[in-house]
């Protein structure tokens, strides 16, 4: 997946999830750790290599 596409989809996804949780009255202290974990996973996907050279 193209990195720009992954970043764009992630921003839209996280924004919509946080808006839904705010609507239902869930505090940021409850879901903040989970959002940070998923952001860490996305950053890892973007930084780490997707394929390794064949030797």
PDB file of N, CA and C in Angstrom:
ATOM      1  N   UNK A   1       0.849  -1.173   0.000  1.00  0.00           N
ATOM      2  CA  UNK A   1       0.000   0.000   0.000  1.00  0.00           C
ATOM      3  C   UNK A   1       0.897   1.239   0.000  1.00  0.00           C
ATOM      4  N   UNK A   2       0.506   2.205  -0.765  1.00  0.00           N
ATOM      5  CA  UNK A   2       1.235   3.459  -0.859  1.00  0.00           C
ATOM      6  C   UNK A   2       1.230   4.161   0.508  1.00  0.00           C
ATOM      7  N   UNK A   3       2.377   4.671   0.955  1.00  0.00           N
ATOM      8  CA  UNK A   3       2.424   5.317   2.278  1.00  0.00           C
ATOM      9  C   UNK A   3       1.464   6.500   2.415  1.00  0.00           C
ATOM     10  N   UNK A   4       1.303   7.275   1.358  1.00  0.00           N
ATOM     11  CA  UNK A   4       0.392   8.421   1.439  1.00  0.00           C
ATOM     12  C   UNK A   4      -1.043   7.945   1.613  1.00  0.00           C
ATOM     13  N   UNK A   5      -1.406   6.864   0.933  1.00  0.00           N
ATOM     14  CA  UNK A   5      -2.743   6.301   1.076  1.00  0.00           C
ATOM     15  C   UNK A   5      -2.962   5.787   2.491  1.00  0.00           C
ATOM     16  N   UNK A   6      -1.970   5.101   3.029  1.00  0.00           N
ATOM     17  CA  UNK A   6      -2.082   4.571   4.391  1.00  0.00           C
ATOM     18  C   UNK A   6      -2.234   5.695   5.408  1.00  0.00           C
ATOM     19  N   UNK A   7      -1.484   6.757   5.246  1.00  0.00           N
ATOM     20  CA  UNK A   7      -1.585   7.894   6.167  1.00  0.00           C
ATOM     21  C   UNK A   7      -2.958   8.550   6.058  1.00  0.00           C
ATOM     22  N   UNK A   8      -3.438   8.743   4.839  1.00  0.00           N
ATOM     23  CA  UNK A   8      -4.747   9.371   4.643  1.00  0.00           C
ATOM     24  C   UNK A   8      -5.886   8.556   5.213  1.00  0.00           C
ATOM     25  N   UNK A   9      -5.876   7.255   4.946  1.00  0.00           N
ATOM     26  CA  UNK A   9      -6.929   6.386   5.477  1.00  0.00           C
ATOM     27  C   UNK A   9      -6.862   6.343   6.999  1.00  0.00           C
ATOM     28  N   UNK A  10      -5.656   6.328   7.545  1.00  0.00           N
ATOM     29  CA  UNK A  10      -5.502   6.292   9.001  1.00  0.00           C
ATOM     30  C   UNK A  10      -6.043   7.559   9.653  1.00  0.00           C
ATOM     31  N   UNK A  11      -5.766   8.706   9.049  1.00  0.00           N
ATOM     32  CA  UNK A  11      -6.268   9.964   9.612  1.00  0.00           C
ATOM     33  C   UNK A  11      -7.788   9.985   9.609  1.00  0.00           C
ATOM     34  N   UNK A  12      -8.385   9.592   8.492  1.00  0.00           N
ATOM     35  CA  UNK A  12      -9.851   9.568   8.407  1.00  0.00           C
ATOM     36  C   UNK A  12     -10.433   8.568   9.396  1.00  0.00           C
ATOM     37  N   UNK A  13      -9.817   7.386   9.504  1.00  0.00           N
ATOM     38  CA  UNK A  13     -10.307   6.350  10.410  1.00  0.00           C
ATOM     39  C   UNK A  13     -10.237   6.806  11.865  1.00  0.00           C
ATOM     40  N   UNK A  14      -9.086   7.329  12.280  1.00  0.00           N
ATOM     41  CA  UNK A  14      -8.935   7.744  13.671  1.00  0.00           C
ATOM     42  C   UNK A  14      -9.821   8.932  14.009  1.00  0.00           C
ATOM     43  N   UNK A  15      -9.986   9.853  13.077  1.00  0.00           N
ATOM     44  CA  UNK A  15     -10.866  10.993  13.326  1.00  0.00           C
ATOM     45  C   UNK A  15     -12.311  10.535  13.511  1.00  0.00           C
ATOM     46  N   UNK A  16     -12.770   9.638  12.649  1.00  0.00           N
ATOM     47  CA  UNK A  16     -14.158   9.178  12.763  1.00  0.00           C
ATOM     48  C   UNK A  16     -14.373   8.351  14.025  1.00  0.00           C
ATOM     49  N   UNK A  17     -13.404   7.524  14.382  1.00  0.00           N
ATOM     50  CA  UNK A  17     -13.529   6.728  15.610  1.00  0.00           C
ATOM     51  C   UNK A  17     -13.582   7.636  16.835  1.00  0.00           C
ATOM     52  N   UNK A  18     -12.704   8.635  16.896  1.00  0.00           N
ATOM     53  CA  UNK A  18     -12.712   9.523  18.063  1.00  0.00           C
ATOM     54  C   UNK A  18     -13.997  10.336  18.137  1.00  0.00           C
ATOM     55  N   UNK A  19     -14.543  10.746  17.001  1.00  0.00           N
ATOM     56  CA  UNK A  19     -15.800  11.495  17.021  1.00  0.00           C
ATOM     57  C   UNK A  19     -16.957  10.620  17.496  1.00  0.00           C
ATOM     58  N   UNK A  20     -16.980   9.360  17.075  1.00  0.00           N
ATOM     59  CA  UNK A  20     -18.039   8.451  17.540  1.00  0.00           C
ATOM     60  C   UNK A  20     -17.924   8.196  19.037  1.00  0.00           C
ATOM     61  N   UNK A  21     -16.698   8.010  19.518  1.00  0.00           N
ATOM     62  CA  UNK A  21     -16.518   7.758  20.943  1.00  0.00           C
ATOM     63  C   UNK A  21     -16.873   8.984  21.775  1.00  0.00           C
ATOM     64  N   UNK A  22     -16.551  10.172  21.287  1.00  0.00           N
ATOM     65  CA  UNK A  22     -16.952  11.394  21.993  1.00  0.00           C
ATOM     66  C   UNK A  22     -18.468  11.529  22.029  1.00  0.00           C
ATOM     67  N   UNK A  23     -19.129  11.149  20.943  1.00  0.00           N
ATOM     68  CA  UNK A  23     -20.586  11.230  20.887  1.00  0.00           C
ATOM     69  C   UNK A  23     -21.227  10.323  21.933  1.00  0.00           C
ATOM     70  N   UNK A  24     -20.656   9.144  22.122  1.00  0.00           N
ATOM     71  CA  UNK A  24     -21.209   8.215  23.099  1.00  0.00           C
ATOM     72  C   UNK A  24     -20.708   8.472  24.513  1.00  0.00           C
ATOM     73  N   UNK A  25     -19.901   9.500  24.708  1.00  0.00           N
ATOM     74  CA  UNK A  25     -19.483   9.884  26.046  1.00  0.00           C
ATOM     75  C   UNK A  25     -18.278   9.142  26.583  1.00  0.00           C
ATOM     76  N   UNK A  26     -17.529   8.499  25.717  1.00  0.00           N
ATOM     77  CA  UNK A  26     -16.324   7.799  26.154  1.00  0.00           C
ATOM     78  C   UNK A  26     -15.191   8.814  26.219  1.00  0.00           C
ATOM     79  N   UNK A  27     -14.508   8.853  27.342  1.00  0.00           N
ATOM     80  CA  UNK A  27     -13.450   9.835  27.539  1.00  0.00           C
ATOM     81  C   UNK A  27     -12.165   9.480  26.817  1.00  0.00           C
ATOM     82  N   UNK A  28     -11.354  10.509  26.570  1.00  0.00           N
ATOM     83  CA  UNK A  28     -10.078  10.291  25.898  1.00  0.00           C
ATOM     84  C   UNK A  28      -9.122   9.461  26.739  1.00  0.00           C
ATOM     85  N   UNK A  29      -9.280   9.503  28.045  1.00  0.00           N
ATOM     86  CA  UNK A  29      -8.412   8.702  28.901  1.00  0.00           C
ATOM     87  C   UNK A  29      -8.676   7.214  28.745  1.00  0.00           C
ATOM     88  N   UNK A  30      -9.840   6.854  28.230  1.00  0.00           N
ATOM     89  CA  UNK A  30     -10.183   5.443  28.047  1.00  0.00           C
ATOM     90  C   UNK A  30      -9.593   4.906  26.748  1.00  0.00           C
ATOM     91  N   UNK A  31      -9.764   5.629  25.648  1.00  0.00           N
ATOM     92  CA  UNK A  31      -9.337   5.100  24.353  1.00  0.00           C
ATOM     93  C   UNK A  31      -8.004   5.666  23.878  1.00  0.00           C
ATOM     94  N   UNK A  32      -7.415   6.582  24.601  1.00  0.00           N
ATOM     95  CA  UNK A  32      -6.171   7.213  24.166  1.00  0.00           C
ATOM     96  C   UNK A  32      -5.014   6.247  24.012  1.00  0.00           C
ATOM     97  N   UNK A  33      -4.889   5.310  24.934  1.00  0.00           N
ATOM     98  CA  UNK A  33      -3.792   4.345  24.875  1.00  0.00           C
ATOM     99  C   UNK A  33      -3.936   3.449  23.651  1.00  0.00           C
ATOM    100  N   UNK A  34      -5.154   3.053  23.330  1.00  0.00           N
ATOM    101  CA  UNK A  34      -5.376   2.193  22.171  1.00  0.00           C
ATOM    102  C   UNK A  34      -5.065   2.927  20.869  1.00  0.00           C
ATOM    103  N   UNK A  35      -5.439   4.191  20.794  1.00  0.00           N
ATOM    104  CA  UNK A  35      -5.146   4.991  19.601  1.00  0.00           C
ATOM    105  C   UNK A  35      -3.632   5.133  19.432  1.00  0.00           C
ATOM    106  N   UNK A  36      -2.922   5.386  20.520  1.00  0.00           N
ATOM    107  CA  UNK A  36      -1.466   5.489  20.439  1.00  0.00           C
ATOM    108  C   UNK A  36      -0.831   4.181  19.990  1.00  0.00           C
ATOM    109  N   UNK A  37      -1.378   3.057  20.428  1.00  0.00           N
ATOM    110  CA  UNK A  37      -0.852   1.757  20.008  1.00  0.00           C
ATOM    111  C   UNK A  37      -1.026   1.559  18.509  1.00  0.00           C
ATOM    112  N   UNK A  38      -2.199   1.897  17.981  1.00  0.00           N
ATOM    113  CA  UNK A  38      -2.426   1.741  16.548  1.00  0.00           C
ATOM    114  C   UNK A  38      -1.583   2.722  15.740  1.00  0.00           C
ATOM    115  N   UNK A  39      -1.345   3.914  16.255  1.00  0.00           N
ATOM    116  CA  UNK A  39      -0.454   4.856  15.577  1.00  0.00           C
ATOM    117  C   UNK A  39       0.969   4.297  15.546  1.00  0.00           C
ATOM    118  N   UNK A  40       1.392   3.658  16.630  1.00  0.00           N
ATOM    119  CA  UNK A  40       2.705   3.020  16.666  1.00  0.00           C
ATOM    120  C   UNK A  40       2.808   1.919  15.617  1.00  0.00           C
ATOM    121  N   UNK A  41       1.761   1.129  15.456  1.00  0.00           N
ATOM    122  CA  UNK A  41       1.766   0.068  14.447  1.00  0.00           C
ATOM    123  C   UNK A  41       1.865   0.659  13.046  1.00  0.00           C
ATOM    124  N   UNK A  42       1.121   1.720  12.770  1.00  0.00           N
ATOM    125  CA  UNK A  42       1.152   2.332  11.440  1.00  0.00           C
ATOM    126  C   UNK A  42       2.525   2.937  11.154  1.00  0.00           C
ATOM    127  N   UNK A  43       3.122   3.579  12.146  1.00  0.00           N
ATOM    128  CA  UNK A  43       4.469   4.131  11.954  1.00  0.00           C
ATOM    129  C   UNK A  43       5.466   3.008  11.701  1.00  0.00           C
ATOM    130  N   UNK A  44       5.313   1.884  12.393  1.00  0.00           N
ATOM    131  CA  UNK A  44       6.193   0.743  12.169  1.00  0.00           C
ATOM    132  C   UNK A  44       6.038   0.193  10.760  1.00  0.00           C
ATOM    133  N   UNK A  45       4.813   0.145  10.258  1.00  0.00           N
ATOM    134  CA  UNK A  45       4.579  -0.335   8.893  1.00  0.00           C
ATOM    135  C   UNK A  45       5.258   0.587   7.889  1.00  0.00           C
ATOM    136  N   UNK A  46       5.207   1.893   8.137  1.00  0.00           N
ATOM    137  CA  UNK A  46       5.799   2.845   7.199  1.00  0.00           C
ATOM    138  C   UNK A  46       7.326   2.842   7.247  1.00  0.00           C
ATOM    139  N   UNK A  47       7.913   2.601   8.417  1.00  0.00           N
ATOM    140  CA  UNK A  47       9.364   2.707   8.564  1.00  0.00           C
ATOM    141  C   UNK A  47      10.077   1.396   8.240  1.00  0.00           C
ATOM    142  N   UNK A  48       9.573   0.290   8.741  1.00  0.00           N
ATOM    143  CA  UNK A  48      10.260  -0.983   8.555  1.00  0.00           C
ATOM    144  C   UNK A  48      10.153  -1.448   7.104  1.00  0.00           C
ATOM    145  N   UNK A  49      11.150  -2.197   6.623  1.00  0.00           N
ATOM    146  CA  UNK A  49      11.116  -2.636   5.221  1.00  0.00           C
ATOM    147  C   UNK A  49      10.015  -3.668   4.976  1.00  0.00           C
ATOM    148  N   UNK A  50       9.436  -3.580   3.778  1.00  0.00           N
ATOM    149  CA  UNK A  50       8.377  -4.519   3.414  1.00  0.00           C
ATOM    150  C   UNK A  50       8.931  -5.781   2.774  1.00  0.00           C
ATOM    151  N   UNK A  51      10.072  -5.668   2.138  1.00  0.00           N
ATOM    152  CA  UNK A  51      10.677  -6.839   1.508  1.00  0.00           C
ATOM    153  C   UNK A  51      12.180  -6.826   1.790  1.00  0.00           C
ATOM    154  N   UNK A  52      12.745  -7.988   1.748  1.00  0.00           N
ATOM    155  CA  UNK A  52      14.160  -8.140   2.014  1.00  0.00           C
ATOM    156  C   UNK A  52      14.844  -8.601   0.735  1.00  0.00           C
ATOM    157  N   UNK A  53      16.061  -8.128   0.483  1.00  0.00           N
ATOM    158  CA  UNK A  53      16.754  -8.562  -0.738  1.00  0.00           C
ATOM    159  C   UNK A  53      17.099 -10.043  -0.671  1.00  0.00           C
ATOM    160  N   UNK A  54      16.952 -10.695  -1.804  1.00  0.00           N
ATOM    161  CA  UNK A  54      17.266 -12.127  -1.861  1.00  0.00           C
ATOM    162  C   UNK A  54      18.757 -12.294  -2.100  1.00  0.00           C
ATOM    163  N   UNK A  55      19.354 -13.169  -1.321  1.00  0.00           N
ATOM    164  CA  UNK A  55      20.794 -13.379  -1.461  1.00  0.00           C
ATOM    165  C   UNK A  55      21.095 -14.694  -2.099  1.00  0.00           C
TER     166      UNK A  55
END
